[in-house]
Amino acid sequence: MYRAEIFVNGLVQGVGFRYFVVREANRVGLKGFVKNLSGGEVLTVVEGEKYLIEELYNTLRVGPRFANVKNAAIKWTEFKNEFEIFEVRY
């Protein structure tokens, strides 16, 4: 199992991006959270199978209909098995 932090910036706040992430993460069976950062980025912390995390990352690079993703980055970190669900955090 793997853990990653995904940072996305551009027009990603106020366009339903976090709820898009929740839907996509649940669709592939990943656990973790997504939240807005004060600098305008969206952070997703996710745990699960590596190929599923990569699938989610590729989906987030495009984003939902009204988003305009400028940059996306993924940082692999140590798996901690700390999540039971995938949720929005504030």
PDB file of N, CA and C in Angstrom:
ATOM      1  N   MET A   1       0.841  -1.184   0.000  1.00  0.00           N
ATOM      2  CA  MET A   1       0.000   0.000   0.000  1.00  0.00           C
ATOM      3  C   MET A   1       0.888   1.251   0.000  1.00  0.00           C
ATOM      4  N   TYR A   2       0.324   2.330  -0.521  1.00  0.00           N
ATOM      5  CA  TYR A   2       1.077   3.566  -0.691  1.00  0.00           C
ATOM      6  C   TYR A   2       0.298   4.757  -0.145  1.00  0.00           C
ATOM      7  N   ARG A   3       1.030   5.853   0.030  1.00  0.00           N
ATOM      8  CA  ARG A   3       0.436   7.114   0.477  1.00  0.00           C
ATOM      9  C   ARG A   3       1.044   8.220  -0.377  1.00  0.00           C
ATOM     10  N   ALA A   4       0.206   9.193  -0.738  1.00  0.00           N
ATOM     11  CA  ALA A   4       0.699  10.313  -1.528  1.00  0.00           C
ATOM     12  C   ALA A   4       0.000  11.591  -1.107  1.00  0.00           C
ATOM     13  N   GLU A   5       0.713  12.698  -1.310  1.00  0.00           N
ATOM     14  CA  GLU A   5       0.152  14.031  -1.173  1.00  0.00           C
ATOM     15  C   GLU A   5       0.105  14.613  -2.579  1.00  0.00           C
ATOM     16  N   ILE A   6      -1.070  15.053  -2.988  1.00  0.00           N
ATOM     17  CA  ILE A   6      -1.246  15.620  -4.317  1.00  0.00           C
ATOM     18  C   ILE A   6      -1.614  17.091  -4.158  1.00  0.00           C
ATOM     19  N   PHE A   7      -0.829  17.957  -4.770  1.00  0.00           N
ATOM     20  CA  PHE A   7      -1.070  19.393  -4.748  1.00  0.00           C
ATOM     21  C   PHE A   7      -1.513  19.830  -6.131  1.00  0.00           C
ATOM     22  N   VAL A   8      -2.615  20.579  -6.182  1.00  0.00           N
ATOM     23  CA  VAL A   8      -3.144  21.059  -7.457  1.00  0.00           C
ATOM     24  C   VAL A   8      -3.383  22.560  -7.318  1.00  0.00           C
ATOM     25  N   ASN A   9      -2.952  23.329  -8.336  1.00  0.00           N
ATOM     26  CA  ASN A   9      -3.251  24.759  -8.301  1.00  0.00           C
ATOM     27  C   ASN A   9      -3.767  25.232  -9.647  1.00  0.00           C
ATOM     28  N   GLY A  10      -4.238  26.453  -9.646  1.00  0.00           N
ATOM     29  CA  GLY A  10      -4.926  27.035 -10.789  1.00  0.00           C
ATOM     30  C   GLY A  10      -6.294  27.502 -10.293  1.00  0.00           C
ATOM     31  N   LEU A  11      -7.291  27.438 -11.144  1.00  0.00           N
ATOM     32  CA  LEU A  11      -8.660  27.752 -10.717  1.00  0.00           C
ATOM     33  C   LEU A  11      -9.262  26.463 -10.157  1.00  0.00           C
ATOM     34  N   VAL A  12      -8.967  26.207  -8.884  1.00  0.00           N
ATOM     35  CA  VAL A  12      -9.379  24.945  -8.252  1.00  0.00           C
ATOM     36  C   VAL A  12     -10.166  25.162  -6.962  1.00  0.00           C
ATOM     37  N   GLN A  13     -10.399  26.401  -6.583  1.00  0.00           N
ATOM     38  CA  GLN A  13     -11.233  26.681  -5.417  1.00  0.00           C
ATOM     39  C   GLN A  13     -12.479  27.412  -5.888  1.00  0.00           C
ATOM     40  N   GLY A  14     -13.623  27.039  -5.326  1.00  0.00           N
ATOM     41  CA  GLY A  14     -14.883  27.662  -5.690  1.00  0.00           C
ATOM     42  C   GLY A  14     -15.522  27.078  -6.939  1.00  0.00           C
ATOM     43  N   VAL A  15     -15.016  25.927  -7.383  1.00  0.00           N
ATOM     44  CA  VAL A  15     -15.542  25.299  -8.606  1.00  0.00           C
ATOM     45  C   VAL A  15     -15.967  23.847  -8.375  1.00  0.00           C
ATOM     46  N   GLY A  16     -16.101  23.440  -7.110  1.00  0.00           N
ATOM     47  CA  GLY A  16     -16.505  22.067  -6.799  1.00  0.00           C
ATOM     48  C   GLY A  16     -15.387  21.052  -6.877  1.00  0.00           C
ATOM     49  N   PHE A  17     -14.149  21.534  -6.835  1.00  0.00           N
ATOM     50  CA  PHE A  17     -13.005  20.633  -7.004  1.00  0.00           C
ATOM     51  C   PHE A  17     -12.916  19.597  -5.894  1.00  0.00           C
ATOM     52  N   ARG A  18     -13.109  20.006  -4.645  1.00  0.00           N
ATOM     53  CA  ARG A  18     -12.981  19.058  -3.529  1.00  0.00           C
ATOM     54  C   ARG A  18     -14.013  17.937  -3.631  1.00  0.00           C
ATOM     55  N   TYR A  19     -15.224  18.286  -4.026  1.00  0.00           N
ATOM     56  CA  TYR A  19     -16.275  17.264  -4.126  1.00  0.00           C
ATOM     57  C   TYR A  19     -16.043  16.346  -5.323  1.00  0.00           C
ATOM     58  N   PHE A  20     -15.426  16.888  -6.357  1.00  0.00           N
ATOM     59  CA  PHE A  20     -14.978  16.078  -7.492  1.00  0.00           C
ATOM     60  C   PHE A  20     -13.943  15.058  -7.022  1.00  0.00           C
ATOM     61  N   VAL A  21     -13.003  15.500  -6.190  1.00  0.00           N
ATOM     62  CA  VAL A  21     -11.965  14.604  -5.666  1.00  0.00           C
ATOM     63  C   VAL A  21     -12.592  13.495  -4.825  1.00  0.00           C
ATOM     64  N   VAL A  22     -13.534  13.863  -3.955  1.00  0.00           N
ATOM     65  CA  VAL A  22     -14.205  12.861  -3.113  1.00  0.00           C
ATOM     66  C   VAL A  22     -14.881  11.812  -3.990  1.00  0.00           C
ATOM     67  N   ARG A  23     -15.620  12.253  -4.985  1.00  0.00           N
ATOM     68  CA  ARG A  23     -16.324  11.319  -5.869  1.00  0.00           C
ATOM     69  C   ARG A  23     -15.343  10.384  -6.585  1.00  0.00           C
ATOM     70  N   GLU A  24     -14.266  10.946  -7.119  1.00  0.00           N
ATOM     71  CA  GLU A  24     -13.299  10.130  -7.858  1.00  0.00           C
ATOM     72  C   GLU A  24     -12.529   9.182  -6.938  1.00  0.00           C
ATOM     73  N   ALA A  25     -12.155   9.644  -5.747  1.00  0.00           N
ATOM     74  CA  ALA A  25     -11.436   8.786  -4.793  1.00  0.00           C
ATOM     75  C   ALA A  25     -12.325   7.633  -4.342  1.00  0.00           C
ATOM     76  N   ASN A  26     -13.586   7.927  -4.067  1.00  0.00           N
ATOM     77  CA  ASN A  26     -14.516   6.867  -3.667  1.00  0.00           C
ATOM     78  C   ASN A  26     -14.772   5.886  -4.813  1.00  0.00           C
ATOM     79  N   ARG A  27     -14.802   6.400  -6.025  1.00  0.00           N
ATOM     80  CA  ARG A  27     -15.033   5.544  -7.199  1.00  0.00           C
ATOM     81  C   ARG A  27     -13.961   4.458  -7.321  1.00  0.00           C
ATOM     82  N   VAL A  28     -12.709   4.827  -7.034  1.00  0.00           N
ATOM     83  CA  VAL A  28     -11.623   3.847  -7.156  1.00  0.00           C
ATOM     84  C   VAL A  28     -11.258   3.186  -5.834  1.00  0.00           C
ATOM     85  N   GLY A  29     -11.913   3.592  -4.734  1.00  0.00           N
ATOM     86  CA  GLY A  29     -11.709   2.912  -3.459  1.00  0.00           C
ATOM     87  C   GLY A  29     -10.521   3.379  -2.645  1.00  0.00           C
ATOM     88  N   LEU A  30     -10.173   4.664  -2.749  1.00  0.00           N
ATOM     89  CA  LEU A  30      -9.067   5.203  -1.969  1.00  0.00           C
ATOM     90  C   LEU A  30      -9.574   5.864  -0.692  1.00  0.00           C
ATOM     91  N   LYS A  31      -8.679   6.025   0.270  1.00  0.00           N
ATOM     92  CA  LYS A  31      -9.019   6.641   1.556  1.00  0.00           C
ATOM     93  C   LYS A  31      -8.109   7.832   1.793  1.00  0.00           C
ATOM     94  N   GLY A  32      -8.630   8.836   2.513  1.00  0.00           N
ATOM     95  CA  GLY A  32      -7.827  10.010   2.822  1.00  0.00           C
ATOM     96  C   GLY A  32      -8.691  11.236   2.945  1.00  0.00           C
ATOM     97  N   PHE A  33      -8.141  12.382   2.515  1.00  0.00           N
ATOM     98  CA  PHE A  33      -8.902  13.623   2.590  1.00  0.00           C
ATOM     99  C   PHE A  33      -8.430  14.614   1.541  1.00  0.00           C
ATOM    100  N   VAL A  34      -9.269  15.615   1.331  1.00  0.00           N
ATOM    101  CA  VAL A  34      -8.952  16.730   0.444  1.00  0.00           C
ATOM    102  C   VAL A  34      -9.318  18.008   1.164  1.00  0.00           C
ATOM    103  N   LYS A  35      -8.502  19.066   0.984  1.00  0.00           N
ATOM    104  CA  LYS A  35      -8.828  20.348   1.601  1.00  0.00           C
ATOM    105  C   LYS A  35      -8.207  21.484   0.803  1.00  0.00           C
ATOM    106  N   ASN A  36      -8.845  22.660   0.930  1.00  0.00           N
ATOM    107  CA  ASN A  36      -8.295  23.874   0.337  1.00  0.00           C
ATOM    108  C   ASN A  36      -7.157  24.377   1.208  1.00  0.00           C
ATOM    109  N   LEU A  37      -6.127  24.913   0.574  1.00  0.00           N
ATOM    110  CA  LEU A  37      -5.041  25.564   1.292  1.00  0.00           C
ATOM    111  C   LEU A  37      -5.177  27.072   1.121  1.00  0.00           C
ATOM    112  N   SER A  38      -4.632  27.822   2.050  1.00  0.00           N
ATOM    113  CA  SER A  38      -4.801  29.275   2.051  1.00  0.00           C
ATOM    114  C   SER A  38      -4.180  29.958   0.827  1.00  0.00           C
ATOM    115  N   GLY A  39      -3.216  29.328   0.193  1.00  0.00           N
ATOM    116  CA  GLY A  39      -2.562  29.919  -0.975  1.00  0.00           C
ATOM    117  C   GLY A  39      -3.296  29.688  -2.278  1.00  0.00           C
ATOM    118  N   GLY A  40      -4.479  29.057  -2.219  1.00  0.00           N
ATOM    119  CA  GLY A  40      -5.252  28.816  -3.431  1.00  0.00           C
ATOM    120  C   GLY A  40      -5.111  27.421  -3.995  1.00  0.00           C
ATOM    121  N   GLU A  41      -4.253  26.610  -3.402  1.00  0.00           N
ATOM    122  CA  GLU A  41      -4.074  25.232  -3.844  1.00  0.00           C
ATOM    123  C   GLU A  41      -5.097  24.314  -3.181  1.00  0.00           C
ATOM    124  N   VAL A  42      -5.219  23.123  -3.748  1.00  0.00           N
ATOM    125  CA  VAL A  42      -5.991  22.052  -3.120  1.00  0.00           C
ATOM    126  C   VAL A  42      -5.017  20.924  -2.810  1.00  0.00           C
ATOM    127  N   LEU A  43      -5.070  20.438  -1.572  1.00  0.00           N
ATOM    128  CA  LEU A  43      -4.233  19.319  -1.132  1.00  0.00           C
ATOM    129  C   LEU A  43      -5.093  18.084  -0.988  1.00  0.00           C
ATOM    130  N   THR A  44      -4.640  16.996  -1.576  1.00  0.00           N
ATOM    131  CA  THR A  44      -5.270  15.694  -1.400  1.00  0.00           C
ATOM    132  C   THR A  44      -4.242  14.766  -0.778  1.00  0.00           C
ATOM    133  N   VAL A  45      -4.587  14.154   0.343  1.00  0.00           N
ATOM    134  CA  VAL A  45      -3.748  13.130   0.971  1.00  0.00           C
ATOM    135  C   VAL A  45      -4.511  11.825   0.824  1.00  0.00           C
ATOM    136  N   VAL A  46      -3.858  10.838   0.225  1.00  0.00           N
ATOM    137  CA  VAL A  46      -4.572   9.630  -0.162  1.00  0.00           C
ATOM    138  C   VAL A  46      -3.722   8.392   0.103  1.00  0.00           C
ATOM    139  N   GLU A  47      -4.405   7.302   0.480  1.00  0.00           N
ATOM    140  CA  GLU A  47      -3.733   6.020   0.696  1.00  0.00           C
ATOM    141  C   GLU A  47      -4.469   4.928  -0.064  1.00  0.00           C
ATOM    142  N   GLY A  48      -3.686   3.972  -0.568  1.00  0.00           N
ATOM    143  CA  GLY A  48      -4.260   2.841  -1.281  1.00  0.00           C
ATOM    144  C   GLY A  48      -3.238   2.231  -2.216  1.00  0.00           C
ATOM    145  N   GLU A  49      -3.737   1.479  -3.172  1.00  0.00           N
ATOM    146  CA  GLU A  49      -2.861   0.844  -4.169  1.00  0.00           C
ATOM    147  C   GLU A  49      -2.224   1.929  -5.043  1.00  0.00           C
ATOM    148  N   LYS A  50      -0.969   1.728  -5.391  1.00  0.00           N
ATOM    149  CA  LYS A  50      -0.231   2.746  -6.154  1.00  0.00           C
ATOM    150  C   LYS A  50      -0.906   3.063  -7.486  1.00  0.00           C
ATOM    151  N   TYR A  51      -1.351   2.057  -8.208  1.00  0.00           N
ATOM    152  CA  TYR A  51      -1.947   2.315  -9.519  1.00  0.00           C
ATOM    153  C   TYR A  51      -3.256   3.096  -9.397  1.00  0.00           C
ATOM    154  N   LEU A  52      -3.984   2.915  -8.295  1.00  0.00           N
ATOM    155  CA  LEU A  52      -5.217   3.674  -8.078  1.00  0.00           C
ATOM    156  C   LEU A  52      -4.912   5.132  -7.731  1.00  0.00           C
ATOM    157  N   ILE A  53      -3.859   5.346  -6.943  1.00  0.00           N
ATOM    158  CA  ILE A  53      -3.435   6.713  -6.640  1.00  0.00           C
ATOM    159  C   ILE A  53      -2.987   7.411  -7.912  1.00  0.00           C
ATOM    160  N   GLU A  54      -2.255   6.707  -8.760  1.00  0.00           N
ATOM    161  CA  GLU A  54      -1.820   7.291 -10.029  1.00  0.00           C
ATOM    162  C   GLU A  54      -3.009   7.602 -10.930  1.00  0.00           C
ATOM    163  N   GLU A  55      -4.023   6.752 -10.909  1.00  0.00           N
ATOM    164  CA  GLU A  55      -5.236   7.005 -11.685  1.00  0.00           C
ATOM    165  C   GLU A  55      -5.935   8.269 -11.178  1.00  0.00           C
ATOM    166  N   LEU A  56      -6.049   8.399  -9.852  1.00  0.00           N
ATOM    167  CA  LEU A  56      -6.655   9.596  -9.274  1.00  0.00           C
ATOM    168  C   LEU A  56      -5.839  10.834  -9.644  1.00  0.00           C
ATOM    169  N   TYR A  57      -4.532  10.749  -9.539  1.00  0.00           N
ATOM    170  CA  TYR A  57      -3.659  11.883  -9.871  1.00  0.00           C
ATOM    171  C   TYR A  57      -3.892  12.340 -11.314  1.00  0.00           C
ATOM    172  N   ASN A  58      -3.952  11.407 -12.223  1.00  0.00           N
ATOM    173  CA  ASN A  58      -4.178  11.754 -13.625  1.00  0.00           C
ATOM    174  C   ASN A  58      -5.541  12.411 -13.825  1.00  0.00           C
ATOM    175  N   THR A  59      -6.536  11.978 -13.068  1.00  0.00           N
ATOM    176  CA  THR A  59      -7.866  12.586 -13.139  1.00  0.00           C
ATOM    177  C   THR A  59      -7.830  14.003 -12.572  1.00  0.00           C
ATOM    178  N   LEU A  60      -7.098  14.212 -11.469  1.00  0.00           N
ATOM    179  CA  LEU A  60      -7.028  15.529 -10.849  1.00  0.00           C
ATOM    180  C   LEU A  60      -6.253  16.518 -11.700  1.00  0.00           C
ATOM    181  N   ARG A  61      -5.354  16.032 -12.518  1.00  0.00           N
ATOM    182  CA  ARG A  61      -4.605  16.916 -13.418  1.00  0.00           C
ATOM    183  C   ARG A  61      -5.535  17.582 -14.431  1.00  0.00           C
ATOM    184  N   VAL A  62      -6.676  16.966 -14.691  1.00  0.00           N
ATOM    185  CA  VAL A  62      -7.679  17.532 -15.598  1.00  0.00           C
ATOM    186  C   VAL A  62      -8.708  18.321 -14.795  1.00  0.00           C
ATOM    187  N   GLY A  63      -9.226  17.721 -13.722  1.00  0.00           N
ATOM    188  CA  GLY A  63     -10.181  18.386 -12.849  1.00  0.00           C
ATOM    189  C   GLY A  63     -11.602  18.344 -13.382  1.00  0.00           C
ATOM    190  N   PRO A  64     -12.530  18.910 -12.619  1.00  0.00           N
ATOM    191  CA  PRO A  64     -13.924  18.960 -13.058  1.00  0.00           C
ATOM    192  C   PRO A  64     -14.127  20.033 -14.127  1.00  0.00           C
ATOM    193  N   ARG A  65     -15.309  20.087 -14.632  1.00  0.00           N
ATOM    194  CA  ARG A  65     -15.662  20.938 -15.770  1.00  0.00           C
ATOM    195  C   ARG A  65     -15.268  22.413 -15.627  1.00  0.00           C
ATOM    196  N   PHE A  66     -15.535  23.022 -14.487  1.00  0.00           N
ATOM    197  CA  PHE A  66     -15.315  24.460 -14.335  1.00  0.00           C
ATOM    198  C   PHE A  66     -13.947  24.807 -13.751  1.00  0.00           C
ATOM    199  N   ALA A  67     -13.139  23.819 -13.483  1.00  0.00           N
ATOM    200  CA  ALA A  67     -11.789  24.068 -12.972  1.00  0.00           C
ATOM    201  C   ALA A  67     -10.836  24.338 -14.132  1.00  0.00           C
ATOM    202  N   ASN A  68      -9.715  24.952 -13.791  1.00  0.00           N
ATOM    203  CA  ASN A  68      -8.631  25.151 -14.750  1.00  0.00           C
ATOM    204  C   ASN A  68      -7.338  24.833 -14.015  1.00  0.00           C
ATOM    205  N   VAL A  69      -6.909  23.579 -14.101  1.00  0.00           N
ATOM    206  CA  VAL A  69      -5.715  23.125 -13.394  1.00  0.00           C
ATOM    207  C   VAL A  69      -4.477  23.623 -14.129  1.00  0.00           C
ATOM    208  N   LYS A  70      -3.652  24.383 -13.429  1.00  0.00           N
ATOM    209  CA  LYS A  70      -2.397  24.884 -14.010  1.00  0.00           C
ATOM    210  C   LYS A  70      -1.250  23.905 -13.748  1.00  0.00           C
ATOM    211  N   ASN A  71      -1.153  23.448 -12.506  1.00  0.00           N
ATOM    212  CA  ASN A  71      -0.079  22.539 -12.114  1.00  0.00           C
ATOM    213  C   ASN A  71      -0.606  21.494 -11.145  1.00  0.00           C
ATOM    214  N   ALA A  72      -0.002  20.323 -11.216  1.00  0.00           N
ATOM    215  CA  ALA A  72      -0.295  19.248 -10.264  1.00  0.00           C
ATOM    216  C   ALA A  72       1.022  18.568  -9.931  1.00  0.00           C
ATOM    217  N   ALA A  73       1.175  18.210  -8.677  1.00  0.00           N
ATOM    218  CA  ALA A  73       2.392  17.519  -8.238  1.00  0.00           C
ATOM    219  C   ALA A  73       2.006  16.433  -7.256  1.00  0.00           C
ATOM    220  N   ILE A  74       2.758  15.348  -7.307  1.00  0.00           N
ATOM    221  CA  ILE A  74       2.511  14.242  -6.385  1.00  0.00           C
ATOM    222  C   ILE A  74       3.787  13.966  -5.602  1.00  0.00           C
ATOM    223  N   LYS A  75       3.610  13.786  -4.302  1.00  0.00           N
ATOM    224  CA  LYS A  75       4.740  13.474  -3.414  1.00  0.00           C
ATOM    225  C   LYS A  75       4.403  12.175  -2.700  1.00  0.00           C
ATOM    226  N   TRP A  76       5.213  11.158  -2.911  1.00  0.00           N
ATOM    227  CA  TRP A  76       5.002   9.862  -2.265  1.00  0.00           C
ATOM    228  C   TRP A  76       5.576   9.913  -0.859  1.00  0.00           C
ATOM    229  N   THR A  77       4.791   9.455   0.118  1.00  0.00           N
ATOM    230  CA  THR A  77       5.226   9.443   1.510  1.00  0.00           C
ATOM    231  C   THR A  77       4.975   8.059   2.097  1.00  0.00           C
ATOM    232  N   GLU A  78       5.331   7.898   3.352  1.00  0.00           N
ATOM    233  CA  GLU A  78       5.200   6.598   4.015  1.00  0.00           C
ATOM    234  C   GLU A  78       3.735   6.266   4.303  1.00  0.00           C
ATOM    235  N   PHE A  79       3.323   5.070   3.949  1.00  0.00           N
ATOM    236  CA  PHE A  79       1.962   4.582   4.213  1.00  0.00           C
ATOM    237  C   PHE A  79       1.757   4.484   5.720  1.00  0.00           C
ATOM    238  N   LYS A  80       0.642   5.037   6.212  1.00  0.00           N
ATOM    239  CA  LYS A  80       0.363   5.046   7.651  1.00  0.00           C
ATOM    240  C   LYS A  80      -0.918   4.310   8.031  1.00  0.00           C
ATOM    241  N   ASN A  81      -1.755   3.979   7.069  1.00  0.00           N
ATOM    242  CA  ASN A  81      -3.023   3.297   7.316  1.00  0.00           C
ATOM    243  C   ASN A  81      -3.860   4.040   8.364  1.00  0.00           C
ATOM    244  N   GLU A  82      -3.979   5.352   8.199  1.00  0.00           N
ATOM    245  CA  GLU A  82      -4.674   6.155   9.211  1.00  0.00           C
ATOM    246  C   GLU A  82      -6.093   6.552   8.827  1.00  0.00           C
ATOM    247  N   PHE A  83      -6.558   6.222   7.638  1.00  0.00           N
ATOM    248  CA  PHE A  83      -7.874   6.660   7.186  1.00  0.00           C
ATOM    249  C   PHE A  83      -8.851   5.494   7.048  1.00  0.00           C
ATOM    250  N   GLU A  84     -10.104   5.769   7.367  1.00  0.00           N
ATOM    251  CA  GLU A  84     -11.163   4.775   7.187  1.00  0.00           C
ATOM    252  C   GLU A  84     -12.059   5.114   5.997  1.00  0.00           C
ATOM    253  N   ILE A  85     -12.092   6.410   5.650  1.00  0.00           N
ATOM    254  CA  ILE A  85     -12.934   6.890   4.561  1.00  0.00           C
ATOM    255  C   ILE A  85     -12.159   7.938   3.765  1.00  0.00           C
ATOM    256  N   PHE A  86     -12.810   8.494   2.732  1.00  0.00           N
ATOM    257  CA  PHE A  86     -12.273   9.647   2.049  1.00  0.00           C
ATOM    258  C   PHE A  86     -13.226  10.811   2.303  1.00  0.00           C
ATOM    259  N   GLU A  87     -12.697  11.969   2.743  1.00  0.00           N
ATOM    260  CA  GLU A  87     -13.555  13.064   3.167  1.00  0.00           C
ATOM    261  C   GLU A  87     -12.975  14.425   2.798  1.00  0.00           C
ATOM    262  N   VAL A  88     -13.829  15.433   2.876  1.00  0.00           N
ATOM    263  CA  VAL A  88     -13.403  16.821   2.770  1.00  0.00           C
ATOM    264  C   VAL A  88     -13.042  17.296   4.166  1.00  0.00           C
ATOM    265  N   ARG A  89     -11.901  17.934   4.283  1.00  0.00           N
ATOM    266  CA  ARG A  89     -11.513  18.568   5.553  1.00  0.00           C
ATOM    267  C   ARG A  89     -11.457  20.067   5.349  1.00  0.00           C
ATOM    268  N   TYR A  90     -11.736  20.786   6.420  1.00  0.00           N
ATOM    269  CA  TYR A  90     -11.771  22.250   6.357  1.00  0.00           C
ATOM    270  C   TYR A  90     -10.719  22.873   7.207  1.00  0.00           C
TER     271      TYR A  90
END
